[in-house]
Amino acid sequence: MLDRYFLQIKEDPYQGLLDEWNTYSLQEGTDQWEQYGNDIQFRTCGSGNAYAWWKSFEDKYNLPERHRDPQFIRFGPSSTLPIHRDPKSLAWIAVTVVGDQAIEFYDMEKMKLHEVNYKFALVNSKQPHYCDVNGEERVLFRKIFTKTPYDTLFQLLN
């Protein structure tokens, strides 16, 4: 059942993501997600080693929607994102760069289904989900897919 909304990617992500995040975090970017406070930051990654690694990963699995670059997303210790379905994406692929908080999945009535920790995963963003940062920083290197459904990406990655 978990595979309907989550796939652990069995590949090692680029090991230099933390160093790249430390560089990107100093650059100007979007510094709030208005409805959830100002402790969430976004930095689009359009160059560098992380970008090159991501492009080779896209090539390896023939992933669609290559016009959109991946982003670093930082959820600060005081961020408060509720159980939600992502409004703009159908799915996303992410590497956890900082933090080890679990992502939780819920049914449409917000009853908890599963909880899982991951390093590198595909997530069905239309399945209600939540991650409690537990007062600690969490940073993801993530690419959203707005036109390609989870099931298509799941097949490409399997």
N, C-alpha and C. Protein backbone atom coordinates (compact mmCIF):
# COMPACT_ATOMS: atom_id res chain seq x y z
N MET A 1 0.81 -1.19 0.00
CA MET A 1 0.00 0.00 0.00
C MET A 1 0.87 1.27 0.00
N LEU A 2 1.98 1.25 0.72
CA LEU A 2 2.86 2.40 0.79
C LEU A 2 3.32 2.83 -0.59
N ASP A 3 3.50 1.87 -1.51
CA ASP A 3 4.00 2.22 -2.84
C ASP A 3 3.00 3.00 -3.68
N ARG A 4 1.78 3.18 -3.21
CA ARG A 4 0.81 4.03 -3.91
C ARG A 4 1.14 5.51 -3.76
N TYR A 5 1.97 5.83 -2.76
CA TYR A 5 2.30 7.24 -2.54
C TYR A 5 3.74 7.48 -2.11
N PHE A 6 4.57 6.44 -2.07
CA PHE A 6 5.97 6.63 -1.66
C PHE A 6 6.84 5.54 -2.26
N LEU A 7 7.99 5.95 -2.81
CA LEU A 7 8.98 5.01 -3.33
C LEU A 7 10.35 5.44 -2.86
N GLN A 8 11.00 4.58 -2.09
CA GLN A 8 12.38 4.82 -1.69
C GLN A 8 13.26 4.58 -2.91
N ILE A 9 14.05 5.56 -3.31
CA ILE A 9 14.92 5.41 -4.47
C ILE A 9 16.22 4.78 -4.00
N LYS A 10 16.55 3.63 -4.60
CA LYS A 10 17.70 2.84 -4.16
C LYS A 10 18.94 3.24 -4.94
N GLU A 11 19.34 4.46 -4.75
CA GLU A 11 20.51 4.99 -5.43
C GLU A 11 21.13 6.01 -4.48
N ASP A 12 22.43 6.12 -4.51
CA ASP A 12 23.08 7.12 -3.65
C ASP A 12 22.98 8.49 -4.29
N PRO A 13 22.44 9.47 -3.55
CA PRO A 13 22.41 10.83 -4.09
C PRO A 13 23.80 11.46 -4.05
N TYR A 14 23.94 12.57 -4.70
CA TYR A 14 25.20 13.32 -4.73
C TYR A 14 25.61 13.66 -3.30
N GLN A 15 26.83 13.32 -2.93
CA GLN A 15 27.32 13.49 -1.57
C GLN A 15 27.64 14.93 -1.20
N GLY A 16 27.72 15.83 -2.18
CA GLY A 16 28.08 17.21 -1.90
C GLY A 16 26.88 18.14 -1.72
N LEU A 17 25.68 17.58 -1.55
CA LEU A 17 24.49 18.43 -1.45
C LEU A 17 24.53 19.38 -0.26
N LEU A 18 25.05 18.94 0.88
CA LEU A 18 25.12 19.83 2.05
C LEU A 18 26.02 21.03 1.76
N ASP A 19 27.17 20.79 1.16
CA ASP A 19 28.07 21.89 0.82
C ASP A 19 27.40 22.86 -0.16
N GLU A 20 26.69 22.31 -1.14
CA GLU A 20 26.01 23.17 -2.11
C GLU A 20 24.89 23.96 -1.42
N TRP A 21 24.15 23.31 -0.50
CA TRP A 21 23.11 24.02 0.24
C TRP A 21 23.73 25.19 1.01
N ASN A 22 24.87 24.96 1.64
CA ASN A 22 25.51 26.02 2.41
C ASN A 22 25.87 27.22 1.53
N THR A 23 26.17 26.97 0.26
CA THR A 23 26.43 28.07 -0.68
C THR A 23 25.12 28.73 -1.12
N TYR A 24 24.15 27.92 -1.51
CA TYR A 24 22.86 28.45 -1.98
C TYR A 24 22.12 29.20 -0.87
N SER A 25 22.26 28.77 0.37
CA SER A 25 21.53 29.41 1.47
C SER A 25 21.92 30.87 1.65
N LEU A 26 23.10 31.25 1.16
CA LEU A 26 23.57 32.63 1.27
C LEU A 26 23.03 33.52 0.16
N GLN A 27 22.47 32.91 -0.88
CA GLN A 27 21.98 33.67 -2.02
C GLN A 27 20.55 34.14 -1.78
N GLU A 28 20.15 35.15 -2.54
CA GLU A 28 18.79 35.65 -2.44
C GLU A 28 17.82 34.65 -3.06
N GLY A 29 16.68 34.50 -2.42
CA GLY A 29 15.66 33.59 -2.92
C GLY A 29 14.34 33.92 -2.26
N THR A 30 13.40 33.02 -2.37
CA THR A 30 12.11 33.20 -1.73
C THR A 30 12.25 32.79 -0.27
N ASP A 31 11.96 33.70 0.64
CA ASP A 31 12.21 33.45 2.05
C ASP A 31 10.96 33.25 2.90
N GLN A 32 9.86 32.93 2.28
CA GLN A 32 8.70 32.58 3.09
C GLN A 32 7.65 31.89 2.24
N TRP A 33 6.87 31.10 2.89
CA TRP A 33 5.71 30.48 2.30
C TRP A 33 4.58 31.09 3.10
N GLU A 34 4.03 32.18 2.59
CA GLU A 34 3.23 33.10 3.36
C GLU A 34 2.23 32.46 4.31
N GLN A 35 1.50 31.46 3.87
CA GLN A 35 0.49 30.89 4.75
C GLN A 35 1.08 30.04 5.89
N TYR A 36 2.38 29.74 5.84
CA TYR A 36 2.98 28.89 6.87
C TYR A 36 4.13 29.56 7.60
N GLY A 37 4.18 30.88 7.55
CA GLY A 37 5.19 31.60 8.30
C GLY A 37 6.42 31.90 7.46
N ASN A 38 7.38 32.51 8.10
CA ASN A 38 8.55 32.97 7.36
C ASN A 38 9.79 32.13 7.67
N ASP A 39 9.62 30.88 8.11
CA ASP A 39 10.77 30.03 8.41
C ASP A 39 10.91 28.90 7.38
N ILE A 40 10.48 29.18 6.15
CA ILE A 40 10.63 28.23 5.04
C ILE A 40 11.29 29.00 3.90
N GLN A 41 12.40 28.48 3.38
CA GLN A 41 13.13 29.15 2.31
C GLN A 41 13.28 28.23 1.10
N PHE A 42 13.23 28.84 -0.07
CA PHE A 42 13.39 28.14 -1.35
C PHE A 42 14.57 28.74 -2.10
N ARG A 43 15.42 27.90 -2.67
CA ARG A 43 16.53 28.34 -3.51
C ARG A 43 16.57 27.43 -4.74
N THR A 44 16.30 28.01 -5.90
CA THR A 44 16.36 27.23 -7.14
C THR A 44 17.81 26.93 -7.47
N CYS A 45 18.07 25.70 -7.88
CA CYS A 45 19.42 25.25 -8.21
C CYS A 45 19.52 25.11 -9.73
N GLY A 46 20.20 26.08 -10.36
CA GLY A 46 20.31 26.07 -11.81
C GLY A 46 21.72 25.90 -12.33
N SER A 47 22.66 25.61 -11.42
CA SER A 47 24.05 25.39 -11.84
C SER A 47 24.78 24.66 -10.72
N GLY A 48 26.02 24.29 -10.99
CA GLY A 48 26.85 23.64 -9.98
C GLY A 48 26.79 22.13 -10.03
N ASN A 49 27.49 21.51 -9.09
CA ASN A 49 27.60 20.04 -9.07
C ASN A 49 26.27 19.36 -8.74
N ALA A 50 25.48 19.95 -7.86
CA ALA A 50 24.17 19.36 -7.53
C ALA A 50 23.28 19.36 -8.76
N TYR A 51 23.31 20.45 -9.50
CA TYR A 51 22.52 20.56 -10.72
C TYR A 51 22.98 19.52 -11.75
N ALA A 52 24.29 19.40 -11.93
CA ALA A 52 24.84 18.42 -12.88
C ALA A 52 24.46 17.00 -12.47
N TRP A 53 24.54 16.69 -11.17
CA TRP A 53 24.12 15.37 -10.70
C TRP A 53 22.65 15.14 -11.01
N TRP A 54 21.80 16.15 -10.72
CA TRP A 54 20.36 16.00 -10.97
C TRP A 54 20.08 15.75 -12.45
N LYS A 55 20.76 16.50 -13.33
CA LYS A 55 20.55 16.32 -14.77
C LYS A 55 20.94 14.91 -15.22
N SER A 56 22.01 14.37 -14.66
CA SER A 56 22.40 13.00 -15.02
C SER A 56 21.39 11.99 -14.48
N PHE A 57 20.83 12.26 -13.31
CA PHE A 57 19.77 11.40 -12.76
C PHE A 57 18.54 11.44 -13.67
N GLU A 58 18.14 12.62 -14.12
CA GLU A 58 17.02 12.75 -15.05
C GLU A 58 17.28 11.96 -16.33
N ASP A 59 18.49 12.06 -16.85
CA ASP A 59 18.85 11.34 -18.08
C ASP A 59 18.77 9.83 -17.87
N LYS A 60 19.31 9.37 -16.75
CA LYS A 60 19.36 7.93 -16.47
C LYS A 60 17.97 7.31 -16.47
N TYR A 61 16.98 8.02 -15.91
CA TYR A 61 15.62 7.48 -15.79
C TYR A 61 14.64 8.09 -16.79
N ASN A 62 15.15 8.91 -17.71
CA ASN A 62 14.33 9.53 -18.73
C ASN A 62 13.14 10.28 -18.11
N LEU A 63 13.43 11.08 -17.09
CA LEU A 63 12.36 11.80 -16.38
C LEU A 63 11.85 12.97 -17.21
N PRO A 64 10.56 13.27 -17.11
CA PRO A 64 9.96 14.37 -17.87
C PRO A 64 10.11 15.72 -17.15
N GLU A 65 9.52 16.73 -17.74
CA GLU A 65 9.45 18.08 -17.17
C GLU A 65 10.83 18.68 -16.86
N ARG A 66 11.69 18.59 -17.85
CA ARG A 66 13.07 19.06 -17.64
C ARG A 66 13.23 20.57 -17.69
N HIS A 67 12.18 21.26 -18.00
CA HIS A 67 12.23 22.73 -18.02
C HIS A 67 12.28 23.32 -16.60
N ARG A 68 11.92 22.54 -15.61
CA ARG A 68 11.90 23.02 -14.22
C ARG A 68 13.13 22.52 -13.48
N ASP A 69 13.83 23.45 -12.84
CA ASP A 69 15.02 23.09 -12.08
C ASP A 69 14.67 22.62 -10.68
N PRO A 70 15.54 21.81 -10.08
CA PRO A 70 15.31 21.41 -8.68
C PRO A 70 15.55 22.60 -7.75
N GLN A 71 15.10 22.46 -6.52
CA GLN A 71 15.26 23.51 -5.51
C GLN A 71 15.76 22.91 -4.21
N PHE A 72 16.47 23.73 -3.47
CA PHE A 72 16.70 23.44 -2.06
C PHE A 72 15.54 24.09 -1.31
N ILE A 73 14.95 23.36 -0.40
CA ILE A 73 13.89 23.90 0.44
C ILE A 73 14.28 23.67 1.89
N ARG A 74 14.34 24.75 2.65
CA ARG A 74 14.68 24.68 4.07
C ARG A 74 13.43 24.93 4.90
N PHE A 75 13.12 23.97 5.76
CA PHE A 75 12.06 24.13 6.75
C PHE A 75 12.76 24.40 8.07
N GLY A 76 12.63 25.62 8.57
CA GLY A 76 13.30 26.00 9.80
C GLY A 76 12.62 25.43 11.03
N PRO A 77 13.26 25.55 12.18
CA PRO A 77 12.74 24.97 13.43
C PRO A 77 11.35 25.47 13.81
N SER A 78 10.97 26.67 13.37
CA SER A 78 9.65 27.18 13.74
C SER A 78 8.64 27.09 12.60
N SER A 79 8.97 26.35 11.53
CA SER A 79 8.00 26.20 10.43
C SER A 79 6.85 25.31 10.88
N THR A 80 5.68 25.62 10.37
CA THR A 80 4.46 24.91 10.78
C THR A 80 3.62 24.57 9.56
N LEU A 81 3.95 23.53 8.89
CA LEU A 81 3.21 23.08 7.72
C LEU A 81 2.25 21.99 8.16
N PRO A 82 0.94 22.16 7.97
CA PRO A 82 -0.03 21.15 8.42
C PRO A 82 -0.09 19.94 7.49
N ILE A 83 -0.89 18.95 7.85
CA ILE A 83 -1.19 17.84 6.93
C ILE A 83 -1.77 18.49 5.67
N HIS A 84 -1.23 18.12 4.51
CA HIS A 84 -1.66 18.80 3.29
C HIS A 84 -1.45 17.93 2.06
N ARG A 85 -2.07 18.36 0.98
CA ARG A 85 -1.80 17.86 -0.37
C ARG A 85 -1.22 19.05 -1.11
N ASP A 86 -0.11 18.85 -1.80
CA ASP A 86 0.55 19.97 -2.47
C ASP A 86 -0.37 20.56 -3.54
N PRO A 87 -0.58 21.87 -3.51
CA PRO A 87 -1.53 22.47 -4.45
C PRO A 87 -1.02 22.54 -5.89
N LYS A 88 0.31 22.62 -6.09
CA LYS A 88 0.83 22.85 -7.44
C LYS A 88 1.49 21.63 -8.07
N SER A 89 1.72 20.59 -7.31
CA SER A 89 2.43 19.45 -7.89
C SER A 89 1.61 18.16 -7.77
N LEU A 90 1.93 17.22 -8.67
CA LEU A 90 1.34 15.88 -8.62
C LEU A 90 2.25 14.92 -7.87
N ALA A 91 3.55 15.19 -7.95
CA ALA A 91 4.54 14.34 -7.29
C ALA A 91 5.83 15.12 -7.16
N TRP A 92 6.73 14.62 -6.32
CA TRP A 92 8.07 15.21 -6.23
C TRP A 92 9.08 14.14 -5.86
N ILE A 93 10.32 14.44 -6.22
CA ILE A 93 11.46 13.59 -5.87
C ILE A 93 12.35 14.44 -4.99
N ALA A 94 12.78 13.88 -3.85
CA ALA A 94 13.59 14.67 -2.93
C ALA A 94 14.69 13.84 -2.29
N VAL A 95 15.77 14.55 -1.98
CA VAL A 95 16.85 14.02 -1.16
C VAL A 95 16.82 14.81 0.15
N THR A 96 16.87 14.11 1.26
CA THR A 96 16.98 14.79 2.55
C THR A 96 18.44 15.17 2.74
N VAL A 97 18.70 16.48 2.85
CA VAL A 97 20.05 17.00 2.98
C VAL A 97 20.39 17.22 4.46
N VAL A 98 19.44 17.78 5.21
CA VAL A 98 19.60 18.03 6.64
C VAL A 98 18.34 17.55 7.34
N GLY A 99 18.52 16.87 8.46
CA GLY A 99 17.38 16.39 9.24
C GLY A 99 17.10 14.92 9.01
N ASP A 100 16.41 14.32 9.94
CA ASP A 100 16.03 12.91 9.79
C ASP A 100 14.59 12.69 10.22
N GLN A 101 13.78 13.75 10.14
CA GLN A 101 12.38 13.65 10.52
C GLN A 101 11.63 12.78 9.51
N ALA A 102 10.69 12.01 10.00
CA ALA A 102 9.89 11.13 9.14
C ALA A 102 8.83 11.93 8.41
N ILE A 103 8.46 11.45 7.22
CA ILE A 103 7.29 11.98 6.53
C ILE A 103 6.14 11.04 6.89
N GLU A 104 4.99 11.63 7.17
CA GLU A 104 3.81 10.86 7.55
C GLU A 104 2.77 10.99 6.45
N PHE A 105 2.08 9.88 6.16
CA PHE A 105 1.03 9.87 5.14
C PHE A 105 -0.30 9.59 5.80
N TYR A 106 -1.35 10.25 5.27
CA TYR A 106 -2.69 10.18 5.83
C TYR A 106 -3.70 9.86 4.74
N ASP A 107 -4.87 9.35 5.16
CA ASP A 107 -5.96 9.20 4.21
C ASP A 107 -6.68 10.54 4.08
N MET A 108 -7.71 10.58 3.29
CA MET A 108 -8.39 11.85 3.04
C MET A 108 -9.13 12.39 4.27
N GLU A 109 -9.37 11.53 5.25
CA GLU A 109 -10.01 11.97 6.51
C GLU A 109 -8.95 12.32 7.56
N LYS A 110 -7.69 12.35 7.14
CA LYS A 110 -6.54 12.70 7.98
C LYS A 110 -6.28 11.68 9.09
N MET A 111 -6.55 10.42 8.78
CA MET A 111 -6.16 9.32 9.65
C MET A 111 -4.80 8.83 9.16
N LYS A 112 -3.86 8.70 10.09
CA LYS A 112 -2.49 8.33 9.73
C LYS A 112 -2.42 6.92 9.15
N LEU A 113 -1.72 6.79 8.02
CA LEU A 113 -1.54 5.51 7.34
C LEU A 113 -0.14 4.94 7.56
N HIS A 114 0.87 5.77 7.32
CA HIS A 114 2.26 5.34 7.41
C HIS A 114 3.16 6.49 7.83
N GLU A 115 4.31 6.11 8.34
CA GLU A 115 5.37 7.05 8.67
C GLU A 115 6.67 6.42 8.19
N VAL A 116 7.50 7.19 7.51
CA VAL A 116 8.73 6.62 6.96
C VAL A 116 9.83 7.69 6.91
N ASN A 117 11.03 7.27 7.22
CA ASN A 117 12.20 8.13 7.06
C ASN A 117 12.82 7.81 5.70
N TYR A 118 13.40 8.79 5.07
CA TYR A 118 14.02 8.53 3.78
C TYR A 118 15.22 9.44 3.55
N LYS A 119 16.09 8.98 2.68
CA LYS A 119 17.21 9.79 2.20
C LYS A 119 16.90 10.29 0.79
N PHE A 120 16.29 9.43 -0.04
CA PHE A 120 16.05 9.75 -1.44
C PHE A 120 14.75 9.05 -1.83
N ALA A 121 13.73 9.83 -2.25
CA ALA A 121 12.43 9.21 -2.48
C ALA A 121 11.58 9.98 -3.49
N LEU A 122 10.60 9.24 -4.03
CA LEU A 122 9.52 9.79 -4.84
C LEU A 122 8.28 9.83 -3.95
N VAL A 123 7.57 10.96 -3.97
CA VAL A 123 6.39 11.13 -3.13
C VAL A 123 5.21 11.56 -3.99
N ASN A 124 4.07 10.92 -3.76
CA ASN A 124 2.82 11.32 -4.38
C ASN A 124 2.28 12.51 -3.59
N SER A 125 2.42 13.71 -4.12
CA SER A 125 2.06 14.90 -3.36
C SER A 125 0.56 15.15 -3.31
N LYS A 126 -0.23 14.31 -3.96
CA LYS A 126 -1.68 14.41 -3.84
C LYS A 126 -2.23 13.54 -2.71
N GLN A 127 -1.36 12.73 -2.13
CA GLN A 127 -1.72 11.98 -0.92
C GLN A 127 -1.44 12.90 0.27
N PRO A 128 -2.39 13.09 1.17
CA PRO A 128 -2.11 13.96 2.32
C PRO A 128 -0.86 13.49 3.07
N HIS A 129 0.01 14.45 3.39
CA HIS A 129 1.26 14.12 4.07
C HIS A 129 1.66 15.26 4.99
N TYR A 130 2.64 14.96 5.83
CA TYR A 130 3.05 15.91 6.87
C TYR A 130 4.42 15.50 7.37
N CYS A 131 5.21 16.51 7.74
CA CYS A 131 6.49 16.24 8.38
C CYS A 131 6.64 17.22 9.54
N ASP A 132 6.69 16.70 10.74
CA ASP A 132 6.91 17.52 11.92
C ASP A 132 8.41 17.74 12.04
N VAL A 133 8.85 19.00 11.94
CA VAL A 133 10.29 19.27 12.01
C VAL A 133 10.84 19.12 13.43
N ASN A 134 9.95 18.97 14.40
CA ASN A 134 10.36 18.75 15.79
C ASN A 134 11.32 19.81 16.31
N GLY A 135 11.13 21.06 15.86
CA GLY A 135 11.99 22.15 16.34
C GLY A 135 13.40 22.13 15.79
N GLU A 136 13.62 21.35 14.73
CA GLU A 136 14.95 21.25 14.13
C GLU A 136 14.87 21.55 12.64
N GLU A 137 15.97 21.98 12.09
CA GLU A 137 16.04 22.30 10.67
C GLU A 137 15.87 21.04 9.81
N ARG A 138 15.22 21.22 8.67
CA ARG A 138 15.10 20.17 7.66
C ARG A 138 15.33 20.82 6.31
N VAL A 139 16.22 20.25 5.51
CA VAL A 139 16.52 20.76 4.18
C VAL A 139 16.35 19.63 3.17
N LEU A 140 15.61 19.90 2.10
CA LEU A 140 15.42 18.95 1.02
C LEU A 140 16.01 19.53 -0.27
N PHE A 141 16.51 18.65 -1.13
CA PHE A 141 16.85 18.99 -2.51
C PHE A 141 15.75 18.32 -3.31
N ARG A 142 14.86 19.12 -3.92
CA ARG A 142 13.61 18.58 -4.42
C ARG A 142 13.25 19.11 -5.80
N LYS A 143 12.63 18.24 -6.59
CA LYS A 143 12.09 18.62 -7.89
C LYS A 143 10.62 18.25 -7.91
N ILE A 144 9.76 19.23 -8.23
CA ILE A 144 8.33 18.95 -8.32
C ILE A 144 7.95 18.64 -9.76
N PHE A 145 6.88 17.87 -9.90
CA PHE A 145 6.32 17.52 -11.21
C PHE A 145 4.86 17.97 -11.21
N THR A 146 4.53 18.88 -12.12
CA THR A 146 3.18 19.44 -12.15
C THR A 146 2.29 18.84 -13.23
N LYS A 147 2.90 18.13 -14.18
CA LYS A 147 2.12 17.54 -15.28
C LYS A 147 2.22 16.02 -15.33
N THR A 148 3.16 15.47 -14.62
CA THR A 148 3.40 14.03 -14.68
C THR A 148 2.92 13.39 -13.38
N PRO A 149 1.97 12.45 -13.47
CA PRO A 149 1.46 11.83 -12.24
C PRO A 149 2.48 10.90 -11.58
N TYR A 150 2.27 10.69 -10.31
CA TYR A 150 3.12 9.82 -9.50
C TYR A 150 3.31 8.45 -10.15
N ASP A 151 2.22 7.84 -10.61
CA ASP A 151 2.29 6.48 -11.17
C ASP A 151 3.25 6.40 -12.36
N THR A 152 3.27 7.43 -13.20
CA THR A 152 4.20 7.45 -14.34
C THR A 152 5.64 7.52 -13.86
N LEU A 153 5.91 8.40 -12.89
CA LEU A 153 7.26 8.51 -12.33
C LEU A 153 7.66 7.21 -11.62
N PHE A 154 6.74 6.61 -10.92
CA PHE A 154 6.99 5.34 -10.24
C PHE A 154 7.46 4.29 -11.24
N GLN A 155 6.78 4.20 -12.39
CA GLN A 155 7.17 3.23 -13.41
C GLN A 155 8.55 3.54 -14.00
N LEU A 156 8.84 4.81 -14.20
CA LEU A 156 10.15 5.19 -14.75
C LEU A 156 11.29 4.85 -13.78
N LEU A 157 11.03 4.97 -12.50
CA LEU A 157 12.08 4.74 -11.49
C LEU A 157 12.21 3.29 -11.07
N ASN A 158 11.29 2.44 -11.48
CA ASN A 158 11.33 1.02 -11.12
C ASN A 158 11.90 0.17 -12.24
